[in-house]
Amino acid sequence: SYPTLEIVQDGAVRHVRLNRPDVRNAFNGQVVEDLQAAFAEVDADPSTRVVVLSGNGKSFSAGADLTWMQEQASLPHADNRAGAERMARMFLAIARCRKPVVGRIHGHALGGGTGLTAAVDIALCSDDCQFGLTEVKLGIVPAVISPFVLQKIGVGRARTLFLTGERFDGSEAMRIGLVHRAVPIGSLDAAVQQVVGELLAAGPAAVASAKELIRAVGALPLEDAIPITATWIADLRATPEAKEGFAAFLGKRKPNWIG
């Protein structure tokens, strides 16, 4: 039970829904604590294979609650910094979750809402969704979320969006790589279901390994990656899950994945 979240388990899929619709799911210290704990729980639950992160009400998330931000600013510097680090580790818990995380993004996803979008593995949004790294309009910068956003959109695009704080819609978010697909709002749930279905059809250990593989080799020179990737596939294809996948494909049947 989390005060600021609604958690729904649907078979192997866990829905984590931001549940402060009266403030467009803006997050404060309680949301930060709840999200980090909820994703730690997901990691420890062998029955959950996919997580869908969404927001109740008219918006996904309007970012940080400004009242909470003012409270943080008034704290002694060490406490102010500790609060920011807790928020950063919340984003990290989402990005490092061993289960694939799908974001269902609608309405507004501003500031930290854009950061949450960047932290998930697969982000799907409505084409009219409003994004923006709007922190400079408040006299601050998107510091905590910057590593996650930069991984998605790159330094070149960030040099514009971080500095201007301009808003952009879902179609533009797809063009710059922040989200993977932008669809009309009426098609958003179907798009999420289609992606969830693809993930459930894949080997659960393989999906977790794929997330680790990206982090392990993404920044390596090609030559340096060879010994790592060769060992990686040699180890993985000898596992029971891989043997089941091979046998199912050759036998023209669905694999019997064991979580």
C-alpha atoms as a PDB file:
ATOM      1  CA  SER A   1       0.000   0.000   0.000  1.00  0.00           C
ATOM      2  CA  TYR A   2       1.469   3.321  -1.125  1.00  0.00           C
ATOM      3  CA  PRO A   3      -0.271   6.617  -0.274  1.00  0.00           C
ATOM      4  CA  THR A   4       0.445   8.252  -3.653  1.00  0.00           C
ATOM      5  CA  LEU A   5       0.232   5.248  -5.982  1.00  0.00           C
ATOM      6  CA  GLU A   6      -2.382   2.830  -7.207  1.00  0.00           C
ATOM      7  CA  ILE A   7      -0.941  -0.659  -7.739  1.00  0.00           C
ATOM      8  CA  VAL A   8      -2.872  -3.210  -9.805  1.00  0.00           C
ATOM      9  CA  GLN A   9      -1.581  -6.691 -10.612  1.00  0.00           C
ATOM     10  CA  ASP A  10      -2.965  -8.180 -13.836  1.00  0.00           C
ATOM     11  CA  GLY A  11      -1.416 -11.610 -14.184  1.00  0.00           C
ATOM     12  CA  ALA A  12       2.278 -11.086 -14.909  1.00  0.00           C
ATOM     13  CA  VAL A  13       1.794  -7.349 -15.487  1.00  0.00           C
ATOM     14  CA  ARG A  14       2.018  -4.833 -12.639  1.00  0.00           C
ATOM     15  CA  HIS A  15       0.413  -1.442 -13.190  1.00  0.00           C
ATOM     16  CA  VAL A  16       1.995   1.347 -11.136  1.00  0.00           C
ATOM     17  CA  ARG A  17      -0.207   4.432 -11.404  1.00  0.00           C
ATOM     18  CA  LEU A  18       0.620   7.855 -10.023  1.00  0.00           C
ATOM     19  CA  ASN A  19      -2.434   8.748  -7.970  1.00  0.00           C
ATOM     20  CA  ARG A  20      -2.475  12.475  -7.177  1.00  0.00           C
ATOM     21  CA  PRO A  21      -4.844  13.559  -9.948  1.00  0.00           C
ATOM     22  CA  ASP A  22      -5.883  16.741  -8.134  1.00  0.00           C
ATOM     23  CA  VAL A  23      -2.351  18.134  -8.693  1.00  0.00           C
ATOM     24  CA  ARG A  24      -1.806  16.439 -12.076  1.00  0.00           C
ATOM     25  CA  ASN A  25       0.325  13.778 -10.351  1.00  0.00           C
ATOM     26  CA  ALA A  26       3.048  16.244  -9.395  1.00  0.00           C
ATOM     27  CA  PHE A  27       5.531  14.459  -7.192  1.00  0.00           C
ATOM     28  CA  ASN A  28       6.722  15.338  -3.715  1.00  0.00           C
ATOM     29  CA  GLY A  29       8.789  13.519  -1.123  1.00  0.00           C
ATOM     30  CA  GLN A  30       6.088  10.906  -0.564  1.00  0.00           C
ATOM     31  CA  VAL A  31       5.818  10.136  -4.283  1.00  0.00           C
ATOM     32  CA  VAL A  32       9.603   9.805  -4.473  1.00  0.00           C
ATOM     33  CA  GLU A  33       9.593   7.384  -1.534  1.00  0.00           C
ATOM     34  CA  ASP A  34       6.627   5.406  -2.871  1.00  0.00           C
ATOM     35  CA  LEU A  35       7.978   5.018  -6.404  1.00  0.00           C
ATOM     36  CA  GLN A  36      11.386   3.848  -5.220  1.00  0.00           C
ATOM     37  CA  ALA A  37       9.813   1.312  -2.861  1.00  0.00           C
ATOM     38  CA  ALA A  38       7.307   0.122  -5.469  1.00  0.00           C
ATOM     39  CA  PHE A  39      10.031  -0.576  -8.012  1.00  0.00           C
ATOM     40  CA  ALA A  40      12.192  -2.320  -5.418  1.00  0.00           C
ATOM     41  CA  GLU A  41       9.182  -4.538  -4.702  1.00  0.00           C
ATOM     42  CA  VAL A  42       8.744  -5.277  -8.412  1.00  0.00           C
ATOM     43  CA  ASP A  43      12.380  -6.327  -8.696  1.00  0.00           C
ATOM     44  CA  ALA A  44      11.906  -8.819  -5.862  1.00  0.00           C
ATOM     45  CA  ASP A  45       8.651 -10.297  -7.227  1.00  0.00           C
ATOM     46  CA  PRO A  46       9.247 -13.298  -9.533  1.00  0.00           C
ATOM     47  CA  SER A  47       5.602 -13.345 -10.643  1.00  0.00           C
ATOM     48  CA  THR A  48       5.814  -9.896 -12.267  1.00  0.00           C
ATOM     49  CA  ARG A  49       7.332  -9.802 -15.748  1.00  0.00           C
ATOM     50  CA  VAL A  50       6.321  -6.347 -17.044  1.00  0.00           C
ATOM     51  CA  VAL A  51       5.620  -3.017 -15.341  1.00  0.00           C
ATOM     52  CA  VAL A  52       3.350  -0.341 -16.807  1.00  0.00           C
ATOM     53  CA  LEU A  53       3.887   3.129 -15.316  1.00  0.00           C
ATOM     54  CA  SER A  54       1.028   5.584 -15.846  1.00  0.00           C
ATOM     55  CA  GLY A  55      -0.886   8.402 -14.160  1.00  0.00           C
ATOM     56  CA  ASN A  56      -4.500   8.610 -13.020  1.00  0.00           C
ATOM     57  CA  GLY A  57      -6.586  11.584 -14.084  1.00  0.00           C
ATOM     58  CA  LYS A  58      -5.998  14.042 -16.882  1.00  0.00           C
ATOM     59  CA  SER A  59      -2.173  13.973 -16.877  1.00  0.00           C
ATOM     60  CA  PHE A  60       0.732  11.593 -16.496  1.00  0.00           C
ATOM     61  CA  SER A  61       2.750  13.978 -14.322  1.00  0.00           C
ATOM     62  CA  ALA A  62       3.223  17.734 -14.204  1.00  0.00           C
ATOM     63  CA  GLY A  63       6.655  17.239 -12.616  1.00  0.00           C
ATOM     64  CA  ALA A  64       7.745  18.243  -9.139  1.00  0.00           C
ATOM     65  CA  ASP A  65       5.226  19.777  -6.739  1.00  0.00           C
ATOM     66  CA  LEU A  66       6.326  23.420  -6.424  1.00  0.00           C
ATOM     67  CA  THR A  67       5.220  23.677  -2.802  1.00  0.00           C
ATOM     68  CA  TRP A  68       7.477  20.748  -1.994  1.00  0.00           C
ATOM     69  CA  MET A  69      10.299  22.293  -4.047  1.00  0.00           C
ATOM     70  CA  GLN A  70       9.990  25.518  -2.022  1.00  0.00           C
ATOM     71  CA  GLU A  71      10.135  23.506   1.192  1.00  0.00           C
ATOM     72  CA  GLN A  72      13.277  21.724  -0.014  1.00  0.00           C
ATOM     73  CA  ALA A  73      14.884  25.047  -0.956  1.00  0.00           C
ATOM     74  CA  SER A  74      14.390  26.367   2.574  1.00  0.00           C
ATOM     75  CA  LEU A  75      16.220  23.443   4.196  1.00  0.00           C
ATOM     76  CA  PRO A  76      19.893  23.521   5.222  1.00  0.00           C
ATOM     77  CA  HIS A  77      22.059  22.781   2.187  1.00  0.00           C
ATOM     78  CA  ALA A  78      22.962  19.245   3.294  1.00  0.00           C
ATOM     79  CA  ASP A  79      19.288  18.312   3.728  1.00  0.00           C
ATOM     80  CA  ASN A  80      18.350  20.031   0.467  1.00  0.00           C
ATOM     81  CA  ARG A  81      21.013  18.022  -1.364  1.00  0.00           C
ATOM     82  CA  ALA A  82      19.964  14.766   0.342  1.00  0.00           C
ATOM     83  CA  GLY A  83      16.402  15.278  -0.887  1.00  0.00           C
ATOM     84  CA  ALA A  84      17.634  15.794  -4.441  1.00  0.00           C
ATOM     85  CA  GLU A  85      19.719  12.621  -4.229  1.00  0.00           C
ATOM     86  CA  ARG A  86      16.708  10.628  -3.018  1.00  0.00           C
ATOM     87  CA  MET A  87      14.797  11.875  -6.053  1.00  0.00           C
ATOM     88  CA  ALA A  88      17.658  10.900  -8.373  1.00  0.00           C
ATOM     89  CA  ARG A  89      17.707   7.399  -6.889  1.00  0.00           C
ATOM     90  CA  MET A  90      13.975   7.103  -7.510  1.00  0.00           C
ATOM     91  CA  PHE A  91      14.553   7.711 -11.226  1.00  0.00           C
ATOM     92  CA  LEU A  92      17.440   5.232 -11.091  1.00  0.00           C
ATOM     93  CA  ALA A  93      15.216   2.574  -9.516  1.00  0.00           C
ATOM     94  CA  ILE A  94      12.912   2.844 -12.529  1.00  0.00           C
ATOM     95  CA  ALA A  95      15.704   2.870 -15.088  1.00  0.00           C
ATOM     96  CA  ARG A  96      17.539  -0.044 -13.433  1.00  0.00           C
ATOM     97  CA  CYS A  97      14.461  -2.193 -12.793  1.00  0.00           C
ATOM     98  CA  ARG A  98      15.250  -5.718 -14.017  1.00  0.00           C
ATOM     99  CA  LYS A  99      11.735  -6.007 -15.420  1.00  0.00           C
ATOM    100  CA  PRO A 100      10.891  -4.058 -18.588  1.00  0.00           C
ATOM    101  CA  VAL A 101       9.069  -0.820 -17.787  1.00  0.00           C
ATOM    102  CA  VAL A 102       6.503   0.566 -20.221  1.00  0.00           C
ATOM    103  CA  GLY A 103       5.365   4.178 -19.806  1.00  0.00           C
ATOM    104  CA  ARG A 104       1.791   5.167 -20.701  1.00  0.00           C
ATOM    105  CA  ILE A 105       2.086   8.942 -21.082  1.00  0.00           C
ATOM    106  CA  HIS A 106      -0.843  11.305 -21.594  1.00  0.00           C
ATOM    107  CA  GLY A 107      -1.955  14.857 -20.865  1.00  0.00           C
ATOM    108  CA  HIS A 108       1.029  16.690 -19.393  1.00  0.00           C
ATOM    109  CA  ALA A 109       4.502  15.270 -18.765  1.00  0.00           C
ATOM    110  CA  LEU A 110       6.434  18.383 -17.829  1.00  0.00           C
ATOM    111  CA  GLY A 111       9.757  18.742 -16.006  1.00  0.00           C
ATOM    112  CA  GLY A 112      10.082  15.636 -13.867  1.00  0.00           C
ATOM    113  CA  GLY A 113       7.256  14.082 -15.894  1.00  0.00           C
ATOM    114  CA  THR A 114       9.544  14.278 -18.921  1.00  0.00           C
ATOM    115  CA  GLY A 115      12.230  12.762 -16.693  1.00  0.00           C
ATOM    116  CA  LEU A 116       9.987   9.819 -15.792  1.00  0.00           C
ATOM    117  CA  THR A 117       9.286   9.347 -19.498  1.00  0.00           C
ATOM    118  CA  ALA A 118      13.026   9.175 -20.144  1.00  0.00           C
ATOM    119  CA  ALA A 119      13.602   6.705 -17.286  1.00  0.00           C
ATOM    120  CA  VAL A 120      11.285   3.976 -18.595  1.00  0.00           C
ATOM    121  CA  ASP A 121      12.388   1.436 -21.195  1.00  0.00           C
ATOM    122  CA  ILE A 122       9.546   1.877 -23.674  1.00  0.00           C
ATOM    123  CA  ALA A 123       7.515   5.090 -23.632  1.00  0.00           C
ATOM    124  CA  LEU A 124       4.209   5.374 -25.495  1.00  0.00           C
ATOM    125  CA  CYS A 125       2.297   8.635 -25.506  1.00  0.00           C
ATOM    126  CA  SER A 126      -0.739  10.366 -26.938  1.00  0.00           C
ATOM    127  CA  ASP A 127       0.218  12.536 -29.894  1.00  0.00           C
ATOM    128  CA  ASP A 128      -1.204  15.626 -28.170  1.00  0.00           C
ATOM    129  CA  CYS A 129       0.669  15.015 -24.905  1.00  0.00           C
ATOM    130  CA  GLN A 130       2.622  18.060 -23.709  1.00  0.00           C
ATOM    131  CA  PHE A 131       6.273  17.600 -22.752  1.00  0.00           C
ATOM    132  CA  GLY A 132       8.827  20.173 -21.678  1.00  0.00           C
ATOM    133  CA  LEU A 133      12.048  20.587 -19.751  1.00  0.00           C
ATOM    134  CA  THR A 134      10.549  23.702 -18.262  1.00  0.00           C
ATOM    135  CA  GLU A 135      12.818  24.149 -15.234  1.00  0.00           C
ATOM    136  CA  VAL A 136      14.567  27.256 -16.587  1.00  0.00           C
ATOM    137  CA  LYS A 137      11.206  29.037 -16.519  1.00  0.00           C
ATOM    138  CA  LEU A 138      11.423  28.671 -12.729  1.00  0.00           C
ATOM    139  CA  GLY A 139      15.041  29.729 -12.453  1.00  0.00           C
ATOM    140  CA  ILE A 140      16.420  26.206 -12.026  1.00  0.00           C
ATOM    141  CA  VAL A 141      17.690  23.445 -14.342  1.00  0.00           C
ATOM    142  CA  PRO A 142      16.700  19.793 -14.998  1.00  0.00           C
ATOM    143  CA  ALA A 143      19.754  18.588 -13.105  1.00  0.00           C
ATOM    144  CA  VAL A 144      18.486  15.373 -11.492  1.00  0.00           C
ATOM    145  CA  ILE A 145      16.742  14.099 -14.618  1.00  0.00           C
ATOM    146  CA  SER A 146      19.454  15.204 -17.052  1.00  0.00           C
ATOM    147  CA  PRO A 147      21.352  11.864 -17.266  1.00  0.00           C
ATOM    148  CA  PHE A 148      18.159   9.997 -18.155  1.00  0.00           C
ATOM    149  CA  VAL A 149      16.984  12.566 -20.691  1.00  0.00           C
ATOM    150  CA  LEU A 150      20.423  12.837 -22.318  1.00  0.00           C
ATOM    151  CA  GLN A 151      20.499   9.071 -22.850  1.00  0.00           C
ATOM    152  CA  LYS A 152      17.250   9.333 -24.794  1.00  0.00           C
ATOM    153  CA  ILE A 153      17.552  12.540 -26.829  1.00  0.00           C
ATOM    154  CA  GLY A 154      21.301  13.252 -26.925  1.00  0.00           C
ATOM    155  CA  VAL A 155      23.335  16.339 -26.145  1.00  0.00           C
ATOM    156  CA  GLY A 156      22.493  18.230 -29.340  1.00  0.00           C
ATOM    157  CA  ARG A 157      18.738  18.331 -28.751  1.00  0.00           C
ATOM    158  CA  ALA A 158      19.215  18.929 -25.032  1.00  0.00           C
ATOM    159  CA  ARG A 159      21.181  22.092 -25.810  1.00  0.00           C
ATOM    160  CA  THR A 160      17.980  23.577 -27.162  1.00  0.00           C
ATOM    161  CA  LEU A 161      15.351  22.089 -24.873  1.00  0.00           C
ATOM    162  CA  PHE A 162      17.234  22.551 -21.591  1.00  0.00           C
ATOM    163  CA  LEU A 163      17.946  26.202 -22.403  1.00  0.00           C
ATOM    164  CA  THR A 164      14.615  27.324 -23.847  1.00  0.00           C
ATOM    165  CA  GLY A 165      12.270  25.329 -21.619  1.00  0.00           C
ATOM    166  CA  GLU A 166       9.905  25.179 -24.592  1.00  0.00           C
ATOM    167  CA  ARG A 167       6.998  22.750 -24.673  1.00  0.00           C
ATOM    168  CA  PHE A 168       6.549  20.148 -27.404  1.00  0.00           C
ATOM    169  CA  ASP A 169       3.908  17.575 -28.247  1.00  0.00           C
ATOM    170  CA  GLY A 170       3.955  13.804 -28.463  1.00  0.00           C
ATOM    171  CA  SER A 171       4.722  13.721 -32.171  1.00  0.00           C
ATOM    172  CA  GLU A 172       7.835  15.830 -31.614  1.00  0.00           C
ATOM    173  CA  ALA A 173       8.779  13.679 -28.614  1.00  0.00           C
ATOM    174  CA  MET A 174       8.734  10.654 -30.920  1.00  0.00           C
ATOM    175  CA  ARG A 175      10.794  12.464 -33.560  1.00  0.00           C
ATOM    176  CA  ILE A 176      13.567  13.295 -31.090  1.00  0.00           C
ATOM    177  CA  GLY A 177      13.594   9.850 -29.469  1.00  0.00           C
ATOM    178  CA  LEU A 178      12.095  10.667 -26.073  1.00  0.00           C
ATOM    179  CA  VAL A 179       9.189   8.290 -26.704  1.00  0.00           C
ATOM    180  CA  HIS A 180       8.986   5.270 -28.954  1.00  0.00           C
ATOM    181  CA  ARG A 181       5.524   5.836 -30.342  1.00  0.00           C
ATOM    182  CA  ALA A 182       2.933   8.637 -30.341  1.00  0.00           C
ATOM    183  CA  VAL A 183      -0.657   7.686 -31.142  1.00  0.00           C
ATOM    184  CA  PRO A 184      -4.116   9.269 -30.846  1.00  0.00           C
ATOM    185  CA  ILE A 185      -5.330   9.130 -27.251  1.00  0.00           C
ATOM    186  CA  GLY A 186      -8.044   6.627 -28.192  1.00  0.00           C
ATOM    187  CA  SER A 187      -5.376   4.200 -29.413  1.00  0.00           C
ATOM    188  CA  LEU A 188      -2.982   4.570 -26.470  1.00  0.00           C
ATOM    189  CA  ASP A 189      -4.195   1.624 -24.395  1.00  0.00           C
ATOM    190  CA  ALA A 190      -4.120  -0.677 -27.415  1.00  0.00           C
ATOM    191  CA  ALA A 191      -0.558   0.424 -28.192  1.00  0.00           C
ATOM    192  CA  VAL A 192       0.486  -0.311 -24.611  1.00  0.00           C
ATOM    193  CA  GLN A 193      -1.170  -3.730 -24.748  1.00  0.00           C
ATOM    194  CA  GLN A 194       0.601  -4.574 -27.989  1.00  0.00           C
ATOM    195  CA  VAL A 195       4.007  -3.787 -26.491  1.00  0.00           C
ATOM    196  CA  VAL A 196       3.199  -5.677 -23.284  1.00  0.00           C
ATOM    197  CA  GLY A 197       2.229  -8.680 -25.384  1.00  0.00           C
ATOM    198  CA  GLU A 198       5.554  -8.588 -27.217  1.00  0.00           C
ATOM    199  CA  LEU A 199       7.439  -8.452 -23.911  1.00  0.00           C
ATOM    200  CA  LEU A 200       5.480 -11.360 -22.428  1.00  0.00           C
ATOM    201  CA  ALA A 201       6.279 -13.442 -25.520  1.00  0.00           C
ATOM    202  CA  ALA A 202      10.024 -13.024 -24.875  1.00  0.00           C
ATOM    203  CA  GLY A 203      12.145 -14.961 -22.390  1.00  0.00           C
ATOM    204  CA  PRO A 204      12.066 -13.133 -19.027  1.00  0.00           C
ATOM    205  CA  ALA A 205      15.733 -13.789 -18.258  1.00  0.00           C
ATOM    206  CA  ALA A 206      16.660 -12.719 -21.784  1.00  0.00           C
ATOM    207  CA  VAL A 207      14.783  -9.426 -21.421  1.00  0.00           C
ATOM    208  CA  ALA A 208      16.562  -8.703 -18.133  1.00  0.00           C
ATOM    209  CA  SER A 209      19.883  -9.623 -19.745  1.00  0.00           C
ATOM    210  CA  ALA A 210      19.170  -7.343 -22.716  1.00  0.00           C
ATOM    211  CA  LYS A 211      18.757  -4.394 -20.338  1.00  0.00           C
ATOM    212  CA  GLU A 212      22.114  -5.205 -18.730  1.00  0.00           C
ATOM    213  CA  LEU A 213      23.764  -5.693 -22.130  1.00  0.00           C
ATOM    214  CA  ILE A 214      22.847  -2.187 -23.281  1.00  0.00           C
ATOM    215  CA  ARG A 215      24.378  -0.671 -20.174  1.00  0.00           C
ATOM    216  CA  ALA A 216      27.490  -2.848 -20.387  1.00  0.00           C
ATOM    217  CA  VAL A 217      28.461  -2.212 -24.008  1.00  0.00           C
ATOM    218  CA  GLY A 218      26.680   0.985 -25.021  1.00  0.00           C
ATOM    219  CA  ALA A 219      29.663   3.273 -24.461  1.00  0.00           C
ATOM    220  CA  LEU A 220      32.464   0.838 -25.369  1.00  0.00           C
ATOM    221  CA  PRO A 221      34.664   0.974 -28.472  1.00  0.00           C
ATOM    222  CA  LEU A 222      33.785  -1.864 -30.848  1.00  0.00           C
ATOM    223  CA  GLU A 223      37.033  -3.749 -30.220  1.00  0.00           C
ATOM    224  CA  ASP A 224      36.624  -3.585 -26.442  1.00  0.00           C
ATOM    225  CA  ALA A 225      33.070  -4.915 -26.676  1.00  0.00           C
ATOM    226  CA  ILE A 226      34.040  -8.161 -28.452  1.00  0.00           C
ATOM    227  CA  PRO A 227      35.272 -10.189 -25.435  1.00  0.00           C
ATOM    228  CA  ILE A 228      32.302  -9.048 -23.376  1.00  0.00           C
ATOM    229  CA  THR A 229      29.661  -9.830 -25.993  1.00  0.00           C
ATOM    230  CA  ALA A 230      31.228 -13.179 -26.948  1.00  0.00           C
ATOM    231  CA  THR A 231      31.180 -14.327 -23.324  1.00  0.00           C
ATOM    232  CA  TRP A 232      27.681 -12.913 -22.881  1.00  0.00           C
ATOM    233  CA  ILE A 233      26.090 -14.954 -25.670  1.00  0.00           C
ATOM    234  CA  ALA A 234      28.117 -18.082 -24.840  1.00  0.00           C
ATOM    235  CA  ASP A 235      26.840 -17.993 -21.275  1.00  0.00           C
ATOM    236  CA  LEU A 236      23.265 -17.140 -22.182  1.00  0.00           C
ATOM    237  CA  ARG A 237      22.649 -19.679 -24.946  1.00  0.00           C
ATOM    238  CA  ALA A 238      23.618 -22.499 -22.573  1.00  0.00           C
ATOM    239  CA  THR A 239      20.862 -21.578 -20.095  1.00  0.00           C
ATOM    240  CA  PRO A 240      17.630 -23.583 -19.678  1.00  0.00           C
ATOM    241  CA  GLU A 241      15.625 -20.611 -20.939  1.00  0.00           C
ATOM    242  CA  ALA A 242      17.594 -20.422 -24.178  1.00  0.00           C
ATOM    243  CA  LYS A 243      17.346 -24.188 -24.689  1.00  0.00           C
ATOM    244  CA  GLU A 244      13.582 -23.955 -24.254  1.00  0.00           C
ATOM    245  CA  GLY A 245      13.444 -21.072 -26.727  1.00  0.00           C
ATOM    246  CA  PHE A 246      15.424 -23.013 -29.328  1.00  0.00           C
ATOM    247  CA  ALA A 247      13.310 -26.140 -28.832  1.00  0.00           C
ATOM    248  CA  ALA A 248      10.036 -24.229 -29.049  1.00  0.00           C
ATOM    249  CA  PHE A 249      11.046 -22.474 -32.262  1.00  0.00           C
ATOM    250  CA  LEU A 250      12.216 -25.694 -33.922  1.00  0.00           C
ATOM    251  CA  GLY A 251       9.137 -27.519 -32.667  1.00  0.00           C
ATOM    252  CA  LYS A 252       6.839 -24.761 -33.951  1.00  0.00           C
ATOM    253  CA  ARG A 253       5.222 -24.236 -30.547  1.00  0.00           C
ATOM    254  CA  LYS A 254       5.054 -21.474 -27.962  1.00  0.00           C
ATOM    255  CA  PRO A 255       7.873 -21.561 -25.410  1.00  0.00           C
ATOM    256  CA  ASN A 256       7.095 -22.518 -21.843  1.00  0.00           C
ATOM    257  CA  TRP A 257       8.933 -19.705 -20.109  1.00  0.00           C
ATOM    258  CA  ILE A 258       9.686 -20.138 -16.439  1.00  0.00           C
ATOM    259  CA  GLY A 259      10.049 -16.813 -14.628  1.00  0.00           C
END
